[in-house]
Amino acid sequence: MAEEDWIIYGRLDPPCPYCDAAKALLKIKGKNFTFVDIKSDLDGQAFFQRQGWKTVPQIELWDSNNNIHHIGGYTQLKEYFNGE
């Protein structure tokens, strides 16, 4: 994993505009990320359900110490970067 890495749990079908917006924002910020399609990735889907999440995207940040920070959805991601 990079110095910090991001994971977006979302879906590709039906289209998820907030998932696309989260991916675009992370690209603009130059951040490494992995997109997990919770409809086709069974492990990702199981993890999503275990967390009790109901909406997509759900975004996590893995820092350089391998600590996981749940950011939330796209709105929280924007707030995270506005606070930088």
N, C-alpha and C. Protein backbone atom coordinates (compact mmCIF):
# COMPACT_ATOMS: atom_id res chain seq x y z
N MET A 1 0.83 -1.18 0.00
CA MET A 1 0.00 0.00 0.00
C MET A 1 0.88 1.24 0.00
N ALA A 2 0.41 2.30 -0.62
CA ALA A 2 1.15 3.55 -0.71
C ALA A 2 1.20 4.23 0.66
N GLU A 3 1.82 5.41 0.70
CA GLU A 3 1.90 6.16 1.94
C GLU A 3 0.51 6.35 2.54
N GLU A 4 -0.45 6.65 1.70
CA GLU A 4 -1.85 6.60 2.10
C GLU A 4 -2.61 6.06 0.92
N ASP A 5 -3.66 5.36 1.18
CA ASP A 5 -4.45 4.78 0.11
C ASP A 5 -5.91 4.92 0.47
N TRP A 6 -6.73 5.00 -0.53
CA TRP A 6 -8.16 5.22 -0.36
C TRP A 6 -8.91 4.05 -0.96
N ILE A 7 -10.04 3.71 -0.34
CA ILE A 7 -10.93 2.69 -0.88
C ILE A 7 -12.31 3.31 -0.99
N ILE A 8 -12.90 3.16 -2.16
CA ILE A 8 -14.27 3.59 -2.39
C ILE A 8 -15.11 2.34 -2.58
N TYR A 9 -16.09 2.15 -1.72
CA TYR A 9 -17.07 1.08 -1.88
C TYR A 9 -18.27 1.70 -2.58
N GLY A 10 -18.60 1.19 -3.74
CA GLY A 10 -19.71 1.76 -4.50
C GLY A 10 -20.28 0.74 -5.46
N ARG A 11 -20.94 1.25 -6.48
CA ARG A 11 -21.51 0.35 -7.49
C ARG A 11 -21.36 0.98 -8.86
N LEU A 12 -21.28 0.11 -9.86
CA LEU A 12 -21.19 0.56 -11.24
C LEU A 12 -22.55 0.52 -11.93
N ASP A 13 -23.44 -0.39 -11.49
CA ASP A 13 -24.73 -0.56 -12.11
C ASP A 13 -25.78 -0.80 -11.05
N PRO A 14 -26.81 0.03 -10.95
CA PRO A 14 -27.04 1.20 -11.78
C PRO A 14 -25.99 2.27 -11.49
N PRO A 15 -25.80 3.19 -12.44
CA PRO A 15 -24.77 4.23 -12.25
C PRO A 15 -24.95 4.99 -10.93
N CYS A 16 -23.83 5.35 -10.34
CA CYS A 16 -23.81 6.06 -9.07
C CYS A 16 -23.05 7.36 -9.27
N PRO A 17 -23.76 8.48 -9.46
CA PRO A 17 -23.07 9.74 -9.71
C PRO A 17 -22.17 10.18 -8.56
N TYR A 18 -22.54 9.87 -7.32
CA TYR A 18 -21.69 10.24 -6.19
C TYR A 18 -20.42 9.39 -6.14
N CYS A 19 -20.51 8.14 -6.60
CA CYS A 19 -19.32 7.30 -6.70
C CYS A 19 -18.37 7.89 -7.74
N ASP A 20 -18.93 8.28 -8.89
CA ASP A 20 -18.12 8.88 -9.95
C ASP A 20 -17.49 10.19 -9.47
N ALA A 21 -18.26 10.98 -8.72
CA ALA A 21 -17.73 12.25 -8.21
C ALA A 21 -16.60 12.01 -7.21
N ALA A 22 -16.73 10.99 -6.37
CA ALA A 22 -15.67 10.66 -5.40
C ALA A 22 -14.40 10.23 -6.13
N LYS A 23 -14.54 9.40 -7.16
CA LYS A 23 -13.37 8.98 -7.94
C LYS A 23 -12.71 10.18 -8.59
N ALA A 24 -13.52 11.07 -9.17
CA ALA A 24 -12.96 12.25 -9.83
C ALA A 24 -12.23 13.16 -8.85
N LEU A 25 -12.80 13.35 -7.66
CA LEU A 25 -12.16 14.21 -6.67
C LEU A 25 -10.82 13.63 -6.21
N LEU A 26 -10.79 12.33 -5.97
CA LEU A 26 -9.53 11.71 -5.55
C LEU A 26 -8.48 11.80 -6.66
N LYS A 27 -8.91 11.65 -7.91
CA LYS A 27 -7.96 11.80 -9.03
C LYS A 27 -7.41 13.22 -9.07
N ILE A 28 -8.29 14.21 -8.93
CA ILE A 28 -7.86 15.61 -8.95
C ILE A 28 -6.85 15.87 -7.83
N LYS A 29 -7.08 15.26 -6.67
CA LYS A 29 -6.19 15.45 -5.52
C LYS A 29 -4.93 14.61 -5.63
N GLY A 30 -4.83 13.78 -6.67
CA GLY A 30 -3.64 12.95 -6.86
C GLY A 30 -3.53 11.79 -5.88
N LYS A 31 -4.67 11.30 -5.42
CA LYS A 31 -4.68 10.22 -4.42
C LYS A 31 -4.83 8.86 -5.09
N ASN A 32 -4.12 7.87 -4.56
CA ASN A 32 -4.29 6.49 -5.00
C ASN A 32 -5.58 5.95 -4.40
N PHE A 33 -6.36 5.24 -5.20
CA PHE A 33 -7.57 4.64 -4.64
C PHE A 33 -7.91 3.35 -5.36
N THR A 34 -8.67 2.54 -4.66
CA THR A 34 -9.23 1.31 -5.20
C THR A 34 -10.73 1.45 -5.16
N PHE A 35 -11.39 1.08 -6.25
CA PHE A 35 -12.85 1.09 -6.29
C PHE A 35 -13.34 -0.33 -6.14
N VAL A 36 -14.20 -0.58 -5.17
CA VAL A 36 -14.78 -1.90 -4.94
C VAL A 36 -16.25 -1.84 -5.31
N ASP A 37 -16.60 -2.57 -6.37
CA ASP A 37 -18.00 -2.63 -6.80
C ASP A 37 -18.72 -3.65 -5.92
N ILE A 38 -19.59 -3.15 -5.06
CA ILE A 38 -20.22 -4.04 -4.08
C ILE A 38 -21.27 -4.96 -4.70
N LYS A 39 -21.55 -4.78 -5.97
CA LYS A 39 -22.47 -5.71 -6.63
C LYS A 39 -21.73 -6.90 -7.24
N SER A 40 -20.50 -6.70 -7.68
CA SER A 40 -19.77 -7.80 -8.34
C SER A 40 -18.67 -8.39 -7.47
N ASP A 41 -18.20 -7.67 -6.47
CA ASP A 41 -17.14 -8.15 -5.59
C ASP A 41 -17.80 -8.69 -4.31
N LEU A 42 -17.88 -10.02 -4.21
CA LEU A 42 -18.61 -10.63 -3.09
C LEU A 42 -17.96 -10.35 -1.74
N ASP A 43 -16.63 -10.32 -1.70
CA ASP A 43 -15.96 -9.99 -0.44
C ASP A 43 -16.24 -8.54 -0.06
N GLY A 44 -16.18 -7.65 -1.04
CA GLY A 44 -16.48 -6.25 -0.79
C GLY A 44 -17.93 -6.06 -0.34
N GLN A 45 -18.82 -6.80 -0.97
CA GLN A 45 -20.24 -6.73 -0.61
C GLN A 45 -20.46 -7.20 0.83
N ALA A 46 -19.81 -8.30 1.20
CA ALA A 46 -19.95 -8.83 2.57
C ALA A 46 -19.39 -7.83 3.58
N PHE A 47 -18.24 -7.22 3.28
CA PHE A 47 -17.66 -6.23 4.18
C PHE A 47 -18.60 -5.04 4.32
N PHE A 48 -19.13 -4.56 3.22
CA PHE A 48 -20.05 -3.43 3.21
C PHE A 48 -21.25 -3.73 4.12
N GLN A 49 -21.79 -4.91 3.99
CA GLN A 49 -22.96 -5.29 4.80
C GLN A 49 -22.60 -5.43 6.27
N ARG A 50 -21.44 -6.01 6.57
CA ARG A 50 -21.01 -6.15 7.98
C ARG A 50 -20.87 -4.79 8.66
N GLN A 51 -20.47 -3.78 7.88
CA GLN A 51 -20.32 -2.45 8.45
C GLN A 51 -21.66 -1.79 8.72
N GLY A 52 -22.73 -2.33 8.15
CA GLY A 52 -24.05 -1.75 8.32
C GLY A 52 -24.30 -0.53 7.44
N TRP A 53 -23.47 -0.35 6.44
CA TRP A 53 -23.62 0.79 5.55
C TRP A 53 -24.84 0.58 4.66
N LYS A 54 -25.53 1.65 4.35
CA LYS A 54 -26.75 1.56 3.54
C LYS A 54 -26.65 2.32 2.22
N THR A 55 -25.72 3.27 2.14
CA THR A 55 -25.63 4.11 0.95
C THR A 55 -24.22 4.04 0.36
N VAL A 56 -24.14 4.34 -0.93
CA VAL A 56 -22.86 4.41 -1.61
C VAL A 56 -22.67 5.81 -2.15
N PRO A 57 -21.43 6.22 -2.25
CA PRO A 57 -20.21 5.51 -1.88
C PRO A 57 -19.96 5.57 -0.38
N GLN A 58 -19.14 4.66 0.09
CA GLN A 58 -18.55 4.71 1.42
C GLN A 58 -17.05 4.72 1.19
N ILE A 59 -16.37 5.64 1.83
CA ILE A 59 -14.97 5.89 1.53
C ILE A 59 -14.14 5.72 2.79
N GLU A 60 -13.03 5.00 2.64
CA GLU A 60 -12.08 4.81 3.74
C GLU A 60 -10.70 5.28 3.31
N LEU A 61 -9.96 5.77 4.29
CA LEU A 61 -8.57 6.17 4.10
C LEU A 61 -7.70 5.26 4.95
N TRP A 62 -6.71 4.64 4.32
CA TRP A 62 -5.68 3.87 5.03
C TRP A 62 -4.46 4.76 5.09
N ASP A 63 -4.03 5.11 6.31
CA ASP A 63 -2.88 6.00 6.42
C ASP A 63 -1.58 5.20 6.38
N SER A 64 -0.46 5.90 6.50
CA SER A 64 0.85 5.26 6.37
C SER A 64 1.14 4.27 7.50
N ASN A 65 0.38 4.33 8.59
CA ASN A 65 0.54 3.37 9.69
C ASN A 65 -0.47 2.24 9.61
N ASN A 66 -1.16 2.11 8.48
CA ASN A 66 -2.20 1.11 8.26
C ASN A 66 -3.39 1.29 9.18
N ASN A 67 -3.63 2.52 9.63
CA ASN A 67 -4.85 2.82 10.37
C ASN A 67 -5.93 3.15 9.36
N ILE A 68 -7.14 2.67 9.63
CA ILE A 68 -8.26 2.89 8.73
C ILE A 68 -9.13 4.00 9.29
N HIS A 69 -9.45 4.97 8.43
CA HIS A 69 -10.32 6.07 8.82
C HIS A 69 -11.53 6.06 7.90
N HIS A 70 -12.70 5.84 8.48
CA HIS A 70 -13.92 5.90 7.67
C HIS A 70 -14.27 7.36 7.45
N ILE A 71 -14.28 7.77 6.19
CA ILE A 71 -14.57 9.16 5.85
C ILE A 71 -16.07 9.36 5.73
N GLY A 72 -16.76 8.42 5.14
CA GLY A 72 -18.20 8.53 4.91
C GLY A 72 -18.48 8.54 3.41
N GLY A 73 -19.44 9.37 3.00
CA GLY A 73 -19.82 9.46 1.60
C GLY A 73 -19.11 10.59 0.89
N TYR A 74 -19.63 10.94 -0.28
CA TYR A 74 -19.00 11.98 -1.10
C TYR A 74 -18.99 13.33 -0.40
N THR A 75 -20.09 13.68 0.27
CA THR A 75 -20.15 14.97 0.96
C THR A 75 -19.07 15.07 2.03
N GLN A 76 -18.87 14.00 2.78
CA GLN A 76 -17.83 13.99 3.82
C GLN A 76 -16.44 14.02 3.20
N LEU A 77 -16.28 13.42 2.03
CA LEU A 77 -14.99 13.45 1.34
C LEU A 77 -14.66 14.90 0.95
N LYS A 78 -15.64 15.61 0.41
CA LYS A 78 -15.41 17.02 0.07
C LYS A 78 -15.05 17.82 1.32
N GLU A 79 -15.75 17.58 2.42
CA GLU A 79 -15.45 18.28 3.67
C GLU A 79 -14.05 17.95 4.16
N TYR A 80 -13.63 16.70 4.01
CA TYR A 80 -12.29 16.29 4.43
C TYR A 80 -11.24 17.13 3.70
N PHE A 81 -11.39 17.29 2.40
CA PHE A 81 -10.40 18.04 1.64
C PHE A 81 -10.53 19.54 1.85
N ASN A 82 -11.69 20.02 2.16
CA ASN A 82 -11.85 21.45 2.48
C ASN A 82 -11.15 21.80 3.80
N GLY A 83 -10.99 20.80 4.66
CA GLY A 83 -10.34 21.03 5.96
C GLY A 83 -8.83 20.91 5.91
N GLU A 84 -8.27 20.52 4.77
CA GLU A 84 -6.83 20.37 4.65
C GLU A 84 -6.12 21.70 4.76
